């Protein structure tokens, strides 16, 4: 994900989210076993209920921060690249504007 650009497709995002979800599911059980080794089975279950949603919220917040950071950074970079080409002195921009301008005579142009 660190090499993604503003041209990243939908499937790489979906695929990495899927893999992160599987990884979180695989890691949560060993973490809970390590965290609650001395609890009896019934209290361990009650403790497990509090840890899993909390861990999921932490991961969701982390993912949201990462996504927003990626969005802001790539958006800023894309805007910086685009601004280089947008200038009132840009010949390409003027010719595109002139090509898209209507050919009807205006009030200050001479009629043929």
PDB file of N, CA and C in Angstrom:
ATOM      1  N   UNK A   1       0.812  -1.189   0.000  1.00  0.00           N
ATOM      2  CA  UNK A   1       0.000   0.000   0.000  1.00  0.00           C
ATOM      3  C   UNK A   1       0.857   1.256   0.000  1.00  0.00           C
ATOM      4  N   UNK A   2       2.098   1.148   0.422  1.00  0.00           N
ATOM      5  CA  UNK A   2       2.946   2.340   0.483  1.00  0.00           C
ATOM      6  C   UNK A   2       3.359   2.831  -0.898  1.00  0.00           C
ATOM      7  N   UNK A   3       3.212   2.006  -1.916  1.00  0.00           N
ATOM      8  CA  UNK A   3       3.599   2.426  -3.266  1.00  0.00           C
ATOM      9  C   UNK A   3       2.389   2.797  -4.123  1.00  0.00           C
ATOM     10  N   UNK A   4       1.193   2.836  -3.536  1.00  0.00           N
ATOM     11  CA  UNK A   4       0.007   3.215  -4.286  1.00  0.00           C
ATOM     12  C   UNK A   4       0.086   4.669  -4.714  1.00  0.00           C
ATOM     13  N   UNK A   5      -0.491   4.947  -5.869  1.00  0.00           N
ATOM     14  CA  UNK A   5      -0.588   6.322  -6.358  1.00  0.00           C
ATOM     15  C   UNK A   5      -2.060   6.707  -6.423  1.00  0.00           C
ATOM     16  N   UNK A   6      -2.342   7.859  -6.990  1.00  0.00           N
ATOM     17  CA  UNK A   6      -3.725   8.287  -7.118  1.00  0.00           C
ATOM     18  C   UNK A   6      -4.467   7.492  -8.186  1.00  0.00           C
ATOM     19  N   UNK A   7      -3.772   6.607  -8.884  1.00  0.00           N
ATOM     20  CA  UNK A   7      -4.394   5.786  -9.921  1.00  0.00           C
ATOM     21  C   UNK A   7      -4.691   4.366  -9.442  1.00  0.00           C
ATOM     22  N   UNK A   8      -4.673   4.139  -8.120  1.00  0.00           N
ATOM     23  CA  UNK A   8      -4.923   2.808  -7.587  1.00  0.00           C
ATOM     24  C   UNK A   8      -6.366   2.407  -7.884  1.00  0.00           C
ATOM     25  N   UNK A   9      -6.539   1.139  -8.228  1.00  0.00           N
ATOM     26  CA  UNK A   9      -7.866   0.649  -8.568  1.00  0.00           C
ATOM     27  C   UNK A   9      -8.669   0.241  -7.342  1.00  0.00           C
ATOM     28  N   UNK A  10      -9.888  -0.177  -7.601  1.00  0.00           N
ATOM     29  CA  UNK A  10     -10.789  -0.574  -6.513  1.00  0.00           C
ATOM     30  C   UNK A  10     -10.376  -1.910  -5.911  1.00  0.00           C
ATOM     31  N   UNK A  11      -9.970  -2.865  -6.741  1.00  0.00           N
ATOM     32  CA  UNK A  11      -9.667  -4.204  -6.237  1.00  0.00           C
ATOM     33  C   UNK A  11      -8.446  -4.261  -5.338  1.00  0.00           C
ATOM     34  N   UNK A  12      -7.375  -3.529  -5.595  1.00  0.00           N
ATOM     35  CA  UNK A  12      -6.275  -3.555  -4.613  1.00  0.00           C
ATOM     36  C   UNK A  12      -6.708  -3.075  -3.237  1.00  0.00           C
ATOM     37  N   UNK A  13      -7.581  -2.092  -3.182  1.00  0.00           N
ATOM     38  CA  UNK A  13      -8.065  -1.594  -1.894  1.00  0.00           C
ATOM     39  C   UNK A  13      -8.911  -2.659  -1.205  1.00  0.00           C
ATOM     40  N   UNK A  14      -9.818  -3.289  -1.966  1.00  0.00           N
ATOM     41  CA  UNK A  14     -10.671  -4.332  -1.396  1.00  0.00           C
ATOM     42  C   UNK A  14      -9.827  -5.516  -0.944  1.00  0.00           C
ATOM     43  N   UNK A  15      -8.880  -5.928  -1.771  1.00  0.00           N
ATOM     44  CA  UNK A  15      -8.042  -7.095  -1.467  1.00  0.00           C
ATOM     45  C   UNK A  15      -7.202  -6.860  -0.207  1.00  0.00           C
ATOM     46  N   UNK A  16      -6.580  -5.705  -0.074  1.00  0.00           N
ATOM     47  CA  UNK A  16      -5.772  -5.453   1.122  1.00  0.00           C
ATOM     48  C   UNK A  16      -6.645  -5.337   2.359  1.00  0.00           C
ATOM     49  N   UNK A  17      -7.837  -4.779   2.240  1.00  0.00           N
ATOM     50  CA  UNK A  17      -8.759  -4.746   3.375  1.00  0.00           C
ATOM     51  C   UNK A  17      -9.165  -6.141   3.802  1.00  0.00           C
ATOM     52  N   UNK A  18      -9.394  -7.007   2.834  1.00  0.00           N
ATOM     53  CA  UNK A  18      -9.729  -8.402   3.124  1.00  0.00           C
ATOM     54  C   UNK A  18      -8.579  -9.095   3.848  1.00  0.00           C
ATOM     55  N   UNK A  19      -7.370  -8.903   3.349  1.00  0.00           N
ATOM     56  CA  UNK A  19      -6.205  -9.522   3.995  1.00  0.00           C
ATOM     57  C   UNK A  19      -5.972  -8.980   5.399  1.00  0.00           C
ATOM     58  N   UNK A  20      -6.192  -7.695   5.603  1.00  0.00           N
ATOM     59  CA  UNK A  20      -6.049  -7.123   6.942  1.00  0.00           C
ATOM     60  C   UNK A  20      -7.091  -7.700   7.887  1.00  0.00           C
ATOM     61  N   UNK A  21      -8.296  -7.918   7.398  1.00  0.00           N
ATOM     62  CA  UNK A  21      -9.341  -8.517   8.222  1.00  0.00           C
ATOM     63  C   UNK A  21      -8.993  -9.936   8.635  1.00  0.00           C
ATOM     64  N   UNK A  22      -8.459 -10.719   7.693  1.00  0.00           N
ATOM     65  CA  UNK A  22      -8.037 -12.086   8.017  1.00  0.00           C
ATOM     66  C   UNK A  22      -6.890 -12.051   9.013  1.00  0.00           C
ATOM     67  N   UNK A  23      -5.926 -11.171   8.792  1.00  0.00           N
ATOM     68  CA  UNK A  23      -4.789 -11.066   9.707  1.00  0.00           C
ATOM     69  C   UNK A  23      -5.215 -10.677  11.106  1.00  0.00           C
ATOM     70  N   UNK A  24      -6.172  -9.761  11.211  1.00  0.00           N
ATOM     71  CA  UNK A  24      -6.660  -9.361  12.534  1.00  0.00           C
ATOM     72  C   UNK A  24      -7.372 -10.526  13.209  1.00  0.00           C
ATOM     73  N   UNK A  25      -8.153 -11.280  12.453  1.00  0.00           N
ATOM     74  CA  UNK A  25      -8.834 -12.444  13.022  1.00  0.00           C
ATOM     75  C   UNK A  25      -7.866 -13.513  13.495  1.00  0.00           C
ATOM     76  N   UNK A  26      -6.806 -13.707  12.755  1.00  0.00           N
ATOM     77  CA  UNK A  26      -5.801 -14.719  13.134  1.00  0.00           C
ATOM     78  C   UNK A  26      -5.020 -14.263  14.363  1.00  0.00           C
ATOM     79  N   UNK A  27      -4.751 -12.980  14.469  1.00  0.00           N
ATOM     80  CA  UNK A  27      -3.934 -12.486  15.578  1.00  0.00           C
ATOM     81  C   UNK A  27      -4.700 -12.292  16.878  1.00  0.00           C
ATOM     82  N   UNK A  28      -6.002 -12.040  16.825  1.00  0.00           N
ATOM     83  CA  UNK A  28      -6.749 -11.748  18.042  1.00  0.00           C
ATOM     84  C   UNK A  28      -6.826 -12.943  18.987  1.00  0.00           C
ATOM     85  N   UNK A  29      -6.994 -14.155  18.465  1.00  0.00           N
ATOM     86  CA  UNK A  29      -7.107 -15.327  19.339  1.00  0.00           C
ATOM     87  C   UNK A  29      -5.820 -15.555  20.129  1.00  0.00           C
ATOM     88  N   UNK A  30      -4.634 -15.591  19.516  1.00  0.00           N
ATOM     89  CA  UNK A  30      -3.417 -15.759  20.328  1.00  0.00           C
ATOM     90  C   UNK A  30      -3.202 -14.624  21.331  1.00  0.00           C
ATOM     91  N   UNK A  31      -3.547 -13.400  20.944  1.00  0.00           N
ATOM     92  CA  UNK A  31      -3.390 -12.277  21.872  1.00  0.00           C
ATOM     93  C   UNK A  31      -4.297 -12.474  23.087  1.00  0.00           C
ATOM     94  N   UNK A  32      -5.516 -12.938  22.860  1.00  0.00           N
ATOM     95  CA  UNK A  32      -6.439 -13.164  23.971  1.00  0.00           C
ATOM     96  C   UNK A  32      -5.990 -14.325  24.847  1.00  0.00           C
ATOM     97  N   UNK A  33      -5.434 -15.347  24.240  1.00  0.00           N
ATOM     98  CA  UNK A  33      -4.924 -16.483  25.030  1.00  0.00           C
ATOM     99  C   UNK A  33      -3.771 -16.031  25.918  1.00  0.00           C
ATOM    100  N   UNK A  34      -2.908 -15.186  25.391  1.00  0.00           N
ATOM    101  CA  UNK A  34      -1.783 -14.670  26.178  1.00  0.00           C
ATOM    102  C   UNK A  34      -2.287 -13.708  27.249  1.00  0.00           C
ATOM    103  N   UNK A  35      -3.299 -12.918  26.944  1.00  0.00           N
ATOM    104  CA  UNK A  35      -3.778 -11.910  27.886  1.00  0.00           C
ATOM    105  C   UNK A  35      -4.572 -12.501  29.047  1.00  0.00           C
ATOM    106  N   UNK A  36      -5.249 -13.630  28.829  1.00  0.00           N
ATOM    107  CA  UNK A  36      -6.115 -14.203  29.867  1.00  0.00           C
ATOM    108  C   UNK A  36      -5.742 -15.634  30.237  1.00  0.00           C
ATOM    109  N   UNK A  37      -4.483 -15.951  30.506  1.00  0.00           N
ATOM    110  CA  UNK A  37      -4.150 -17.356  30.799  1.00  0.00           C
ATOM    111  C   UNK A  37      -4.632 -17.815  32.176  1.00  0.00           C
ATOM    112  N   UNK A  38      -4.740 -16.923  33.123  1.00  0.00           N
ATOM    113  CA  UNK A  38      -5.071 -17.342  34.484  1.00  0.00           C
ATOM    114  C   UNK A  38      -6.560 -17.238  34.800  1.00  0.00           C
ATOM    115  N   UNK A  39      -7.358 -16.715  33.915  1.00  0.00           N
ATOM    116  CA  UNK A  39      -8.787 -16.589  34.181  1.00  0.00           C
ATOM    117  C   UNK A  39      -9.479 -17.935  33.996  1.00  0.00           C
ATOM    118  N   UNK A  40     -10.489 -18.176  34.819  1.00  0.00           N
ATOM    119  CA  UNK A  40     -11.289 -19.393  34.671  1.00  0.00           C
ATOM    120  C   UNK A  40     -12.081 -19.279  33.371  1.00  0.00           C
ATOM    121  N   UNK A  41     -12.583 -20.398  32.855  1.00  0.00           N
ATOM    122  CA  UNK A  41     -13.280 -20.358  31.554  1.00  0.00           C
ATOM    123  C   UNK A  41     -14.431 -19.368  31.492  1.00  0.00           C
ATOM    124  N   UNK A  42     -15.265 -19.298  32.526  1.00  0.00           N
ATOM    125  CA  UNK A  42     -16.399 -18.380  32.466  1.00  0.00           C
ATOM    126  C   UNK A  42     -15.954 -16.911  32.508  1.00  0.00           C
ATOM    127  N   UNK A  43     -15.084 -16.494  33.447  1.00  0.00           N
ATOM    128  CA  UNK A  43     -14.626 -15.092  33.403  1.00  0.00           C
ATOM    129  C   UNK A  43     -13.815 -14.770  32.149  1.00  0.00           C
ATOM    130  N   UNK A  44     -13.115 -15.764  31.638  1.00  0.00           N
ATOM    131  CA  UNK A  44     -12.340 -15.516  30.416  1.00  0.00           C
ATOM    132  C   UNK A  44     -13.279 -15.142  29.279  1.00  0.00           C
ATOM    133  N   UNK A  45     -14.436 -15.805  29.243  1.00  0.00           N
ATOM    134  CA  UNK A  45     -15.397 -15.481  28.191  1.00  0.00           C
ATOM    135  C   UNK A  45     -15.924 -14.056  28.372  1.00  0.00           C
ATOM    136  N   UNK A  46     -16.202 -13.673  29.598  1.00  0.00           N
ATOM    137  CA  UNK A  46     -16.668 -12.311  29.839  1.00  0.00           C
ATOM    138  C   UNK A  46     -15.576 -11.290  29.519  1.00  0.00           C
ATOM    139  N   UNK A  47     -14.350 -11.614  29.860  1.00  0.00           N
ATOM    140  CA  UNK A  47     -13.241 -10.715  29.530  1.00  0.00           C
ATOM    141  C   UNK A  47     -13.010 -10.628  28.037  1.00  0.00           C
ATOM    142  N   UNK A  48     -13.227 -11.742  27.348  1.00  0.00           N
ATOM    143  CA  UNK A  48     -13.045 -11.798  25.903  1.00  0.00           C
ATOM    144  C   UNK A  48     -14.037 -10.881  25.198  1.00  0.00           C
ATOM    145  N   UNK A  49     -15.237 -10.785  25.726  1.00  0.00           N
ATOM    146  CA  UNK A  49     -16.266  -9.956  25.103  1.00  0.00           C
ATOM    147  C   UNK A  49     -15.842  -8.485  25.125  1.00  0.00           C
ATOM    148  N   UNK A  50     -15.139  -8.059  26.172  1.00  0.00           N
ATOM    149  CA  UNK A  50     -14.720  -6.673  26.260  1.00  0.00           C
ATOM    150  C   UNK A  50     -13.496  -6.356  25.427  1.00  0.00           C
ATOM    151  N   UNK A  51     -12.628  -7.346  25.223  1.00  0.00           N
ATOM    152  CA  UNK A  51     -11.374  -7.093  24.515  1.00  0.00           C
ATOM    153  C   UNK A  51     -11.561  -7.065  23.009  1.00  0.00           C
ATOM    154  N   UNK A  52     -12.318  -7.985  22.483  1.00  0.00           N
ATOM    155  CA  UNK A  52     -12.439  -8.084  21.036  1.00  0.00           C
ATOM    156  C   UNK A  52     -13.061  -6.835  20.410  1.00  0.00           C
ATOM    157  N   UNK A  53     -14.187  -6.348  20.903  1.00  0.00           N
ATOM    158  CA  UNK A  53     -14.719  -5.112  20.291  1.00  0.00           C
ATOM    159  C   UNK A  53     -13.772  -3.923  20.443  1.00  0.00           C
ATOM    160  N   UNK A  54     -13.085  -3.882  21.577  1.00  0.00           N
ATOM    161  CA  UNK A  54     -12.136  -2.791  21.797  1.00  0.00           C
ATOM    162  C   UNK A  54     -10.988  -2.885  20.797  1.00  0.00           C
ATOM    163  N   UNK A  55     -10.476  -4.095  20.593  1.00  0.00           N
ATOM    164  CA  UNK A  55      -9.379  -4.282  19.630  1.00  0.00           C
ATOM    165  C   UNK A  55      -9.843  -3.961  18.216  1.00  0.00           C
ATOM    166  N   UNK A  56     -11.072  -4.322  17.894  1.00  0.00           N
ATOM    167  CA  UNK A  56     -11.592  -4.015  16.564  1.00  0.00           C
ATOM    168  C   UNK A  56     -11.742  -2.506  16.368  1.00  0.00           C
ATOM    169  N   UNK A  57     -12.202  -1.803  17.404  1.00  0.00           N
ATOM    170  CA  UNK A  57     -12.326  -0.344  17.305  1.00  0.00           C
ATOM    171  C   UNK A  57     -10.961   0.309  17.112  1.00  0.00           C
ATOM    172  N   UNK A  58      -9.957  -0.202  17.833  1.00  0.00           N
ATOM    173  CA  UNK A  58      -8.605   0.341  17.675  1.00  0.00           C
ATOM    174  C   UNK A  58      -8.119   0.131  16.255  1.00  0.00           C
ATOM    175  N   UNK A  59      -8.347  -1.067  15.719  1.00  0.00           N
ATOM    176  CA  UNK A  59      -7.915  -1.339  14.352  1.00  0.00           C
ATOM    177  C   UNK A  59      -8.689  -0.481  13.359  1.00  0.00           C
ATOM    178  N   UNK A  60      -9.983  -0.309  13.560  1.00  0.00           N
ATOM    179  CA  UNK A  60     -10.772   0.518  12.651  1.00  0.00           C
ATOM    180  C   UNK A  60     -10.302   1.962  12.677  1.00  0.00           C
ATOM    181  N   UNK A  61      -9.989   2.470  13.854  1.00  0.00           N
ATOM    182  CA  UNK A  61      -9.485   3.842  13.944  1.00  0.00           C
ATOM    183  C   UNK A  61      -8.146   3.975  13.234  1.00  0.00           C
ATOM    184  N   UNK A  62      -7.282   2.969  13.420  1.00  0.00           N
ATOM    185  CA  UNK A  62      -5.982   2.983  12.757  1.00  0.00           C
ATOM    186  C   UNK A  62      -6.159   2.962  11.243  1.00  0.00           C
ATOM    187  N   UNK A  63      -7.043   2.088  10.773  1.00  0.00           N
ATOM    188  CA  UNK A  63      -7.286   2.006   9.337  1.00  0.00           C
ATOM    189  C   UNK A  63      -7.872   3.307   8.792  1.00  0.00           C
ATOM    190  N   UNK A  64      -8.770   3.913   9.550  1.00  0.00           N
ATOM    191  CA  UNK A  64      -9.351   5.180   9.116  1.00  0.00           C
ATOM    192  C   UNK A  64      -8.296   6.277   9.048  1.00  0.00           C
ATOM    193  N   UNK A  65      -7.435   6.342  10.068  1.00  0.00           N
ATOM    194  CA  UNK A  65      -6.366   7.351  10.042  1.00  0.00           C
ATOM    195  C   UNK A  65      -5.433   7.119   8.869  1.00  0.00           C
ATOM    196  N   UNK A  66      -5.090   5.864   8.609  1.00  0.00           N
ATOM    197  CA  UNK A  66      -4.206   5.547   7.495  1.00  0.00           C
ATOM    198  C   UNK A  66      -4.857   5.917   6.161  1.00  0.00           C
ATOM    199  N   UNK A  67      -6.130   5.585   6.018  1.00  0.00           N
ATOM    200  CA  UNK A  67      -6.835   5.903   4.774  1.00  0.00           C
ATOM    201  C   UNK A  67      -6.933   7.411   4.560  1.00  0.00           C
ATOM    202  N   UNK A  68      -7.280   8.143   5.615  1.00  0.00           N
ATOM    203  CA  UNK A  68      -7.377   9.597   5.482  1.00  0.00           C
ATOM    204  C   UNK A  68      -6.017  10.224   5.184  1.00  0.00           C
ATOM    205  N   UNK A  69      -4.974   9.719   5.829  1.00  0.00           N
ATOM    206  CA  UNK A  69      -3.630  10.225   5.556  1.00  0.00           C
ATOM    207  C   UNK A  69      -3.251   9.973   4.106  1.00  0.00           C
ATOM    208  N   UNK A  70      -3.512   8.752   3.630  1.00  0.00           N
ATOM    209  CA  UNK A  70      -3.216   8.414   2.244  1.00  0.00           C
ATOM    210  C   UNK A  70      -4.009   9.305   1.296  1.00  0.00           C
ATOM    211  N   UNK A  71      -5.268   9.542   1.614  1.00  0.00           N
ATOM    212  CA  UNK A  71      -6.117  10.391   0.774  1.00  0.00           C
ATOM    213  C   UNK A  71      -5.589  11.819   0.716  1.00  0.00           C
ATOM    214  N   UNK A  72      -5.225  12.364   1.862  1.00  0.00           N
ATOM    215  CA  UNK A  72      -4.741  13.748   1.903  1.00  0.00           C
ATOM    216  C   UNK A  72      -3.407  13.877   1.181  1.00  0.00           C
ATOM    217  N   UNK A  73      -2.488  12.944   1.432  1.00  0.00           N
ATOM    218  CA  UNK A  73      -1.158  13.027   0.820  1.00  0.00           C
ATOM    219  C   UNK A  73      -1.247  12.878  -0.689  1.00  0.00           C
ATOM    220  N   UNK A  74      -1.975  11.865  -1.173  1.00  0.00           N
ATOM    221  CA  UNK A  74      -2.060  11.681  -2.621  1.00  0.00           C
ATOM    222  C   UNK A  74      -2.854  12.801  -3.272  1.00  0.00           C
ATOM    223  N   UNK A  75      -3.875  13.312  -2.582  1.00  0.00           N
ATOM    224  CA  UNK A  75      -4.627  14.436  -3.131  1.00  0.00           C
ATOM    225  C   UNK A  75      -3.774  15.677  -3.243  1.00  0.00           C
ATOM    226  N   UNK A  76      -2.951  15.921  -2.232  1.00  0.00           N
ATOM    227  CA  UNK A  76      -2.064  17.078  -2.259  1.00  0.00           C
ATOM    228  C   UNK A  76      -1.031  16.944  -3.367  1.00  0.00           C
ATOM    229  N   UNK A  77      -0.473  15.739  -3.512  1.00  0.00           N
ATOM    230  CA  UNK A  77       0.514  15.526  -4.575  1.00  0.00           C
ATOM    231  C   UNK A  77      -0.118  15.677  -5.951  1.00  0.00           C
ATOM    232  N   UNK A  78      -1.319  15.137  -6.122  1.00  0.00           N
ATOM    233  CA  UNK A  78      -2.003  15.247  -7.413  1.00  0.00           C
ATOM    234  C   UNK A  78      -2.323  16.699  -7.731  1.00  0.00           C
ATOM    235  N   UNK A  79      -2.783  17.436  -6.743  1.00  0.00           N
ATOM    236  CA  UNK A  79      -3.093  18.846  -6.960  1.00  0.00           C
ATOM    237  C   UNK A  79      -1.836  19.628  -7.320  1.00  0.00           C
ATOM    238  N   UNK A  80      -0.737  19.327  -6.643  1.00  0.00           N
ATOM    239  CA  UNK A  80       0.515  20.027  -6.942  1.00  0.00           C
ATOM    240  C   UNK A  80       0.958  19.759  -8.374  1.00  0.00           C
ATOM    241  N   UNK A  81       0.782  18.514  -8.837  1.00  0.00           N
ATOM    242  CA  UNK A  81       1.153  18.198 -10.212  1.00  0.00           C
ATOM    243  C   UNK A  81       0.233  18.893 -11.207  1.00  0.00           C
ATOM    244  N   UNK A  82      -1.057  18.973 -10.887  1.00  0.00           N
ATOM    245  CA  UNK A  82      -1.999  19.606 -11.804  1.00  0.00           C
ATOM    246  C   UNK A  82      -1.817  21.117 -11.858  1.00  0.00           C
ATOM    247  N   UNK A  83      -1.495  21.727 -10.740  1.00  0.00           N
ATOM    248  CA  UNK A  83      -1.343  23.182 -10.681  1.00  0.00           C
ATOM    249  C   UNK A  83      -0.204  23.648 -11.580  1.00  0.00           C
ATOM    250  N   UNK A  84       0.790  22.800 -11.786  1.00  0.00           N
ATOM    251  CA  UNK A  84       1.906  23.170 -12.664  1.00  0.00           C
ATOM    252  C   UNK A  84       1.414  23.501 -14.073  1.00  0.00           C
ATOM    253  N   UNK A  85       0.329  22.847 -14.502  1.00  0.00           N
ATOM    254  CA  UNK A  85      -0.152  23.014 -15.866  1.00  0.00           C
ATOM    255  C   UNK A  85      -1.255  24.062 -15.983  1.00  0.00           C
ATOM    256  N   UNK A  86      -1.792  24.510 -14.875  1.00  0.00           N
ATOM    257  CA  UNK A  86      -2.882  25.480 -14.923  1.00  0.00           C
ATOM    258  C   UNK A  86      -2.325  26.855 -14.597  1.00  0.00           C
ATOM    259  N   UNK A  87      -2.266  27.681 -15.619  1.00  0.00           N
ATOM    260  CA  UNK A  87      -1.752  29.036 -15.482  1.00  0.00           C
ATOM    261  C   UNK A  87      -2.390  29.884 -16.572  1.00  0.00           C
ATOM    262  N   UNK A  88      -2.650  31.140 -16.300  1.00  0.00           N
ATOM    263  CA  UNK A  88      -3.213  31.977 -17.373  1.00  0.00           C
ATOM    264  C   UNK A  88      -2.228  32.160 -18.525  1.00  0.00           C
ATOM    265  N   UNK A  89      -0.970  31.844 -18.294  1.00  0.00           N
ATOM    266  CA  UNK A  89       0.051  31.997 -19.333  1.00  0.00           C
ATOM    267  C   UNK A  89       0.312  30.703 -20.085  1.00  0.00           C
ATOM    268  N   UNK A  90      -0.400  29.635 -19.735  1.00  0.00           N
ATOM    269  CA  UNK A  90      -0.203  28.333 -20.363  1.00  0.00           C
ATOM    270  C   UNK A  90      -0.822  28.326 -21.757  1.00  0.00           C
ATOM    271  N   UNK A  91      -0.001  28.063 -22.764  1.00  0.00           N
ATOM    272  CA  UNK A  91      -0.492  28.043 -24.144  1.00  0.00           C
ATOM    273  C   UNK A  91      -1.471  26.893 -24.350  1.00  0.00           C
ATOM    274  N   UNK A  92      -1.209  25.747 -23.740  1.00  0.00           N
ATOM    275  CA  UNK A  92      -2.101  24.600 -23.902  1.00  0.00           C
ATOM    276  C   UNK A  92      -3.468  24.886 -23.291  1.00  0.00           C
ATOM    277  N   UNK A  93      -3.496  25.550 -22.160  1.00  0.00           N
ATOM    278  CA  UNK A  93      -4.767  25.880 -21.520  1.00  0.00           C
ATOM    279  C   UNK A  93      -5.544  26.909 -22.345  1.00  0.00           C
ATOM    280  N   UNK A  94      -4.837  27.909 -22.875  1.00  0.00           N
ATOM    281  CA  UNK A  94      -5.507  28.910 -23.698  1.00  0.00           C
ATOM    282  C   UNK A  94      -6.074  28.295 -24.965  1.00  0.00           C
ATOM    283  N   UNK A  95      -5.306  27.427 -25.621  1.00  0.00           N
ATOM    284  CA  UNK A  95      -5.799  26.812 -26.857  1.00  0.00           C
ATOM    285  C   UNK A  95      -6.978  25.894 -26.576  1.00  0.00           C
ATOM    286  N   UNK A  96      -6.988  25.186 -25.438  1.00  0.00           N
ATOM    287  CA  UNK A  96      -8.137  24.352 -25.082  1.00  0.00           C
ATOM    288  C   UNK A  96      -9.350  25.217 -24.795  1.00  0.00           C
ATOM    289  N   UNK A  97      -9.132  26.344 -24.147  1.00  0.00           N
ATOM    290  CA  UNK A  97     -10.245  27.256 -23.852  1.00  0.00           C
ATOM    291  C   UNK A  97     -10.805  27.856 -25.139  1.00  0.00           C
ATOM    292  N   UNK A  98      -9.923  28.243 -26.042  1.00  0.00           N
ATOM    293  CA  UNK A  98     -10.369  28.818 -27.307  1.00  0.00           C
ATOM    294  C   UNK A  98     -11.097  27.785 -28.159  1.00  0.00           C
ATOM    295  N   UNK A  99     -10.654  26.534 -28.096  1.00  0.00           N
ATOM    296  CA  UNK A  99     -11.300  25.485 -28.886  1.00  0.00           C
ATOM    297  C   UNK A  99     -12.691  25.174 -28.349  1.00  0.00           C
ATOM    298  N   UNK A 100     -12.884  25.315 -27.039  1.00  0.00           N
ATOM    299  CA  UNK A 100     -14.194  25.011 -26.462  1.00  0.00           C
ATOM    300  C   UNK A 100     -15.113  26.220 -26.428  1.00  0.00           C
ATOM    301  N   UNK A 101     -14.602  27.397 -26.770  1.00  0.00           N
ATOM    302  CA  UNK A 101     -15.417  28.620 -26.752  1.00  0.00           C
ATOM    303  C   UNK A 101     -16.417  28.572 -27.904  1.00  0.00           C
ATOM    304  N   UNK A 102     -17.608  29.077 -27.684  1.00  0.00           N
ATOM    305  CA  UNK A 102     -18.593  29.089 -28.784  1.00  0.00           C
ATOM    306  C   UNK A 102     -18.136  30.023 -29.903  1.00  0.00           C
ATOM    307  N   UNK A 103     -18.532  29.706 -31.113  1.00  0.00           N
ATOM    308  CA  UNK A 103     -18.103  30.507 -32.262  1.00  0.00           C
ATOM    309  C   UNK A 103     -19.086  31.625 -32.587  1.00  0.00           C
ATOM    310  N   UNK A 104     -20.068  31.856 -31.734  1.00  0.00           N
ATOM    311  CA  UNK A 104     -21.024  32.940 -31.969  1.00  0.00           C
ATOM    312  C   UNK A 104     -20.344  34.287 -31.705  1.00  0.00           C
ATOM    313  N   UNK A 105     -20.642  35.288 -32.500  1.00  0.00           N
ATOM    314  CA  UNK A 105     -20.029  36.592 -32.260  1.00  0.00           C
ATOM    315  C   UNK A 105     -20.603  37.216 -30.991  1.00  0.00           C
ATOM    316  N   UNK A 106     -19.735  37.809 -30.219  1.00  0.00           N
ATOM    317  CA  UNK A 106     -20.150  38.473 -28.996  1.00  0.00           C
ATOM    318  C   UNK A 106     -20.414  39.937 -29.254  1.00  0.00           C
ATOM    319  N   UNK A 107     -20.738  40.692 -28.229  1.00  0.00           N
ATOM    320  CA  UNK A 107     -21.048  42.107 -28.436  1.00  0.00           C
ATOM    321  C   UNK A 107     -19.832  42.932 -28.835  1.00  0.00           C
ATOM    322  N   UNK A 108     -18.612  42.455 -28.542  1.00  0.00           N
ATOM    323  CA  UNK A 108     -17.438  43.256 -28.840  1.00  0.00           C
ATOM    324  C   UNK A 108     -16.608  42.687 -29.980  1.00  0.00           C
ATOM    325  N   UNK A 109     -17.152  41.678 -30.692  1.00  0.00           N
ATOM    326  CA  UNK A 109     -16.407  41.131 -31.821  1.00  0.00           C
ATOM    327  C   UNK A 109     -17.033  41.596 -33.123  1.00  0.00           C
ATOM    328  N   UNK A 110     -16.227  41.665 -34.147  1.00  0.00           N
ATOM    329  CA  UNK A 110     -16.730  42.135 -35.446  1.00  0.00           C
ATOM    330  C   UNK A 110     -17.459  41.003 -36.123  1.00  0.00           C
ATOM    331  N   UNK A 111     -18.581  41.304 -36.750  1.00  0.00           N
ATOM    332  CA  UNK A 111     -19.344  40.297 -37.494  1.00  0.00           C
ATOM    333  C   UNK A 111     -18.761  40.181 -38.880  1.00  0.00           C
ATOM    334  N   UNK A 112     -18.801  38.996 -39.467  1.00  0.00           N
ATOM    335  CA  UNK A 112     -18.262  38.857 -40.833  1.00  0.00           C
ATOM    336  C   UNK A 112     -19.134  39.472 -41.886  1.00  0.00           C
TER     337      UNK A 112
END
